[in-house]
Amino acid sequence: MKYADKEIQELEEFFKTATLPDSIELFHSTVITDVKAFVHSHLQIIKLRQGVPVFEGFYDRLVLLKEKLSANS
C-alpha cells in the first residue's frame, strides 16, 4: 500500500493551513480550476478507498499539489 492513515493525516493538516490559489497548473496541460474542491474531493476519495491500488493516483496528485504549493511559498 502506497499510503496509510498517517500520510492522509499529514496531507489534511497541510491543506488546512495552506494558502490555496483559485487555480493552478498541476501538470503540463492540466489545470485545476477549483483547488479547494479538488483537495476536498481527493481527500475524501483516498480516505474511502485506502488500499485500493486504482485510487493511488488521487494520493499522488495531492502530494504533487502539496509540493508545488510548498515550492511557491
N, C-alpha and C. Protein backbone atom coordinates (compact mmCIF):
# COMPACT_ATOMS: atom_id res chain seq x y z
N MET A 1 0.85 -1.18 0.00
CA MET A 1 0.00 0.00 0.00
C MET A 1 0.89 1.24 0.00
N LYS A 2 0.52 2.19 -0.81
CA LYS A 2 1.33 3.39 -1.02
C LYS A 2 1.22 4.40 0.12
N TYR A 3 0.07 4.48 0.76
CA TYR A 3 -0.15 5.47 1.81
C TYR A 3 -1.05 4.87 2.89
N ALA A 4 -0.94 5.42 4.10
CA ALA A 4 -1.73 4.94 5.23
C ALA A 4 -2.35 6.15 5.94
N ASP A 5 -2.99 5.89 7.07
CA ASP A 5 -3.66 6.95 7.82
C ASP A 5 -2.73 8.12 8.13
N LYS A 6 -1.48 7.82 8.48
CA LYS A 6 -0.53 8.87 8.83
C LYS A 6 -0.31 9.84 7.67
N GLU A 7 -0.12 9.31 6.48
CA GLU A 7 0.10 10.15 5.30
C GLU A 7 -1.14 10.98 4.97
N ILE A 8 -2.31 10.38 5.12
CA ILE A 8 -3.55 11.11 4.88
C ILE A 8 -3.68 12.25 5.88
N GLN A 9 -3.41 11.97 7.13
CA GLN A 9 -3.48 12.98 8.18
C GLN A 9 -2.52 14.14 7.91
N GLU A 10 -1.31 13.82 7.48
CA GLU A 10 -0.32 14.86 7.16
C GLU A 10 -0.81 15.75 6.02
N LEU A 11 -1.41 15.14 5.01
CA LEU A 11 -1.95 15.94 3.90
C LEU A 11 -3.11 16.81 4.38
N GLU A 12 -3.99 16.26 5.19
CA GLU A 12 -5.11 17.05 5.71
C GLU A 12 -4.61 18.25 6.50
N GLU A 13 -3.63 18.03 7.36
CA GLU A 13 -3.07 19.13 8.16
C GLU A 13 -2.44 20.19 7.27
N PHE A 14 -1.70 19.76 6.27
CA PHE A 14 -1.07 20.72 5.36
C PHE A 14 -2.12 21.58 4.67
N PHE A 15 -3.14 20.95 4.11
CA PHE A 15 -4.13 21.69 3.32
C PHE A 15 -5.06 22.54 4.19
N LYS A 16 -5.17 22.22 5.49
CA LYS A 16 -5.96 23.06 6.39
C LYS A 16 -5.34 24.44 6.55
N THR A 17 -4.01 24.49 6.55
CA THR A 17 -3.32 25.75 6.82
C THR A 17 -2.72 26.39 5.57
N ALA A 18 -2.68 25.66 4.48
CA ALA A 18 -2.06 26.18 3.25
C ALA A 18 -2.93 27.26 2.62
N THR A 19 -2.27 28.22 2.01
CA THR A 19 -2.97 29.21 1.21
C THR A 19 -3.18 28.61 -0.17
N LEU A 20 -4.43 28.38 -0.50
CA LEU A 20 -4.74 27.72 -1.77
C LEU A 20 -5.12 28.75 -2.82
N PRO A 21 -4.50 28.68 -3.97
CA PRO A 21 -4.91 29.57 -5.06
C PRO A 21 -6.25 29.12 -5.62
N ASP A 22 -6.89 29.98 -6.39
CA ASP A 22 -8.15 29.58 -7.03
C ASP A 22 -7.90 28.48 -8.05
N SER A 23 -6.82 28.62 -8.82
CA SER A 23 -6.48 27.62 -9.83
C SER A 23 -4.97 27.46 -9.88
N ILE A 24 -4.53 26.33 -10.44
CA ILE A 24 -3.10 26.04 -10.56
C ILE A 24 -2.89 25.01 -11.66
N GLU A 25 -1.76 25.13 -12.35
CA GLU A 25 -1.41 24.11 -13.34
C GLU A 25 -0.67 23.00 -12.62
N LEU A 26 -1.27 21.82 -12.58
CA LEU A 26 -0.69 20.70 -11.87
C LEU A 26 0.34 19.97 -12.73
N PHE A 27 -0.04 19.70 -13.97
CA PHE A 27 0.83 19.09 -14.97
C PHE A 27 0.79 19.99 -16.20
N HIS A 28 1.65 19.70 -17.14
CA HIS A 28 1.57 20.39 -18.42
C HIS A 28 0.19 20.09 -19.02
N SER A 29 -0.55 21.10 -19.33
CA SER A 29 -1.89 20.98 -19.92
C SER A 29 -2.95 20.46 -18.95
N THR A 30 -2.66 20.43 -17.65
CA THR A 30 -3.65 20.02 -16.66
C THR A 30 -3.79 21.13 -15.63
N VAL A 31 -4.90 21.86 -15.72
CA VAL A 31 -5.14 22.98 -14.82
C VAL A 31 -6.29 22.63 -13.88
N ILE A 32 -6.06 22.82 -12.60
CA ILE A 32 -7.12 22.66 -11.60
C ILE A 32 -7.78 24.03 -11.47
N THR A 33 -9.06 24.10 -11.78
CA THR A 33 -9.73 25.40 -11.78
C THR A 33 -10.40 25.72 -10.45
N ASP A 34 -10.57 24.74 -9.58
CA ASP A 34 -11.12 24.96 -8.23
C ASP A 34 -10.30 24.12 -7.26
N VAL A 35 -9.22 24.71 -6.77
CA VAL A 35 -8.27 23.97 -5.94
C VAL A 35 -8.92 23.47 -4.65
N LYS A 36 -9.76 24.27 -4.01
CA LYS A 36 -10.41 23.84 -2.76
C LYS A 36 -11.27 22.60 -2.99
N ALA A 37 -12.05 22.60 -4.05
CA ALA A 37 -12.90 21.44 -4.36
C ALA A 37 -12.04 20.22 -4.71
N PHE A 38 -10.96 20.44 -5.43
CA PHE A 38 -10.03 19.38 -5.79
C PHE A 38 -9.47 18.71 -4.53
N VAL A 39 -8.99 19.52 -3.60
CA VAL A 39 -8.40 18.98 -2.36
C VAL A 39 -9.47 18.21 -1.58
N HIS A 40 -10.62 18.81 -1.42
CA HIS A 40 -11.69 18.16 -0.65
C HIS A 40 -12.07 16.81 -1.26
N SER A 41 -12.32 16.80 -2.55
CA SER A 41 -12.76 15.55 -3.19
C SER A 41 -11.67 14.48 -3.16
N HIS A 42 -10.43 14.89 -3.39
CA HIS A 42 -9.34 13.91 -3.40
C HIS A 42 -9.09 13.34 -2.00
N LEU A 43 -9.19 14.17 -0.97
CA LEU A 43 -9.02 13.66 0.40
C LEU A 43 -10.13 12.66 0.73
N GLN A 44 -11.34 12.96 0.34
CA GLN A 44 -12.45 12.05 0.60
C GLN A 44 -12.23 10.71 -0.11
N ILE A 45 -11.80 10.76 -1.33
CA ILE A 45 -11.58 9.52 -2.10
C ILE A 45 -10.47 8.67 -1.49
N ILE A 46 -9.35 9.29 -1.11
CA ILE A 46 -8.26 8.47 -0.56
C ILE A 46 -8.61 7.91 0.81
N LYS A 47 -9.47 8.60 1.55
CA LYS A 47 -9.91 8.05 2.84
C LYS A 47 -10.87 6.88 2.63
N LEU A 48 -11.77 7.02 1.68
CA LEU A 48 -12.76 5.97 1.44
C LEU A 48 -12.19 4.76 0.70
N ARG A 49 -11.19 4.98 -0.12
CA ARG A 49 -10.65 3.91 -0.96
C ARG A 49 -9.20 3.57 -0.63
N GLN A 50 -8.86 3.76 0.63
CA GLN A 50 -7.50 3.49 1.08
C GLN A 50 -7.14 2.02 0.83
N GLY A 51 -5.99 1.81 0.23
CA GLY A 51 -5.51 0.45 -0.02
C GLY A 51 -5.95 -0.12 -1.36
N VAL A 52 -6.76 0.61 -2.11
CA VAL A 52 -7.20 0.14 -3.42
C VAL A 52 -6.27 0.77 -4.46
N PRO A 53 -5.43 -0.04 -5.10
CA PRO A 53 -4.40 0.50 -5.99
C PRO A 53 -4.88 1.45 -7.07
N VAL A 54 -6.06 1.23 -7.63
CA VAL A 54 -6.53 2.07 -8.73
C VAL A 54 -6.76 3.52 -8.26
N PHE A 55 -6.92 3.75 -6.98
CA PHE A 55 -7.17 5.09 -6.44
C PHE A 55 -5.90 5.79 -5.95
N GLU A 56 -4.74 5.17 -6.12
CA GLU A 56 -3.50 5.78 -5.65
C GLU A 56 -3.15 7.06 -6.41
N GLY A 57 -3.67 7.22 -7.61
CA GLY A 57 -3.44 8.45 -8.38
C GLY A 57 -3.99 9.68 -7.67
N PHE A 58 -5.07 9.52 -6.92
CA PHE A 58 -5.64 10.64 -6.17
C PHE A 58 -4.65 11.11 -5.10
N TYR A 59 -4.02 10.15 -4.43
CA TYR A 59 -2.99 10.48 -3.44
C TYR A 59 -1.80 11.15 -4.12
N ASP A 60 -1.37 10.60 -5.23
CA ASP A 60 -0.22 11.16 -5.96
C ASP A 60 -0.46 12.61 -6.38
N ARG A 61 -1.67 12.91 -6.83
CA ARG A 61 -1.98 14.28 -7.25
C ARG A 61 -1.99 15.24 -6.07
N LEU A 62 -2.47 14.78 -4.92
CA LEU A 62 -2.42 15.64 -3.72
C LEU A 62 -0.99 15.91 -3.29
N VAL A 63 -0.15 14.90 -3.35
CA VAL A 63 1.26 15.07 -3.00
C VAL A 63 1.92 16.05 -3.97
N LEU A 64 1.65 15.92 -5.24
CA LEU A 64 2.21 16.83 -6.23
C LEU A 64 1.74 18.26 -5.98
N LEU A 65 0.46 18.44 -5.68
CA LEU A 65 -0.06 19.77 -5.38
C LEU A 65 0.63 20.34 -4.14
N LYS A 66 0.80 19.53 -3.12
CA LYS A 66 1.49 19.97 -1.90
C LYS A 66 2.91 20.42 -2.24
N GLU A 67 3.62 19.66 -3.04
CA GLU A 67 4.99 20.00 -3.42
C GLU A 67 5.01 21.32 -4.20
N LYS A 68 4.10 21.50 -5.12
CA LYS A 68 4.04 22.74 -5.91
C LYS A 68 3.75 23.95 -5.02
N LEU A 69 2.80 23.80 -4.09
CA LEU A 69 2.47 24.90 -3.20
C LEU A 69 3.61 25.22 -2.25
N SER A 70 4.29 24.19 -1.77
CA SER A 70 5.43 24.40 -0.88
C SER A 70 6.58 25.08 -1.60
N ALA A 71 6.79 24.73 -2.84
CA ALA A 71 7.89 25.33 -3.63
C ALA A 71 7.60 26.79 -3.94
N ASN A 72 6.32 27.14 -4.08
CA ASN A 72 5.94 28.51 -4.43
C ASN A 72 5.94 29.45 -3.23
N SER A 73 5.98 28.90 -2.02
CA SER A 73 5.92 29.78 -0.84
C SER A 73 7.27 30.10 -0.27
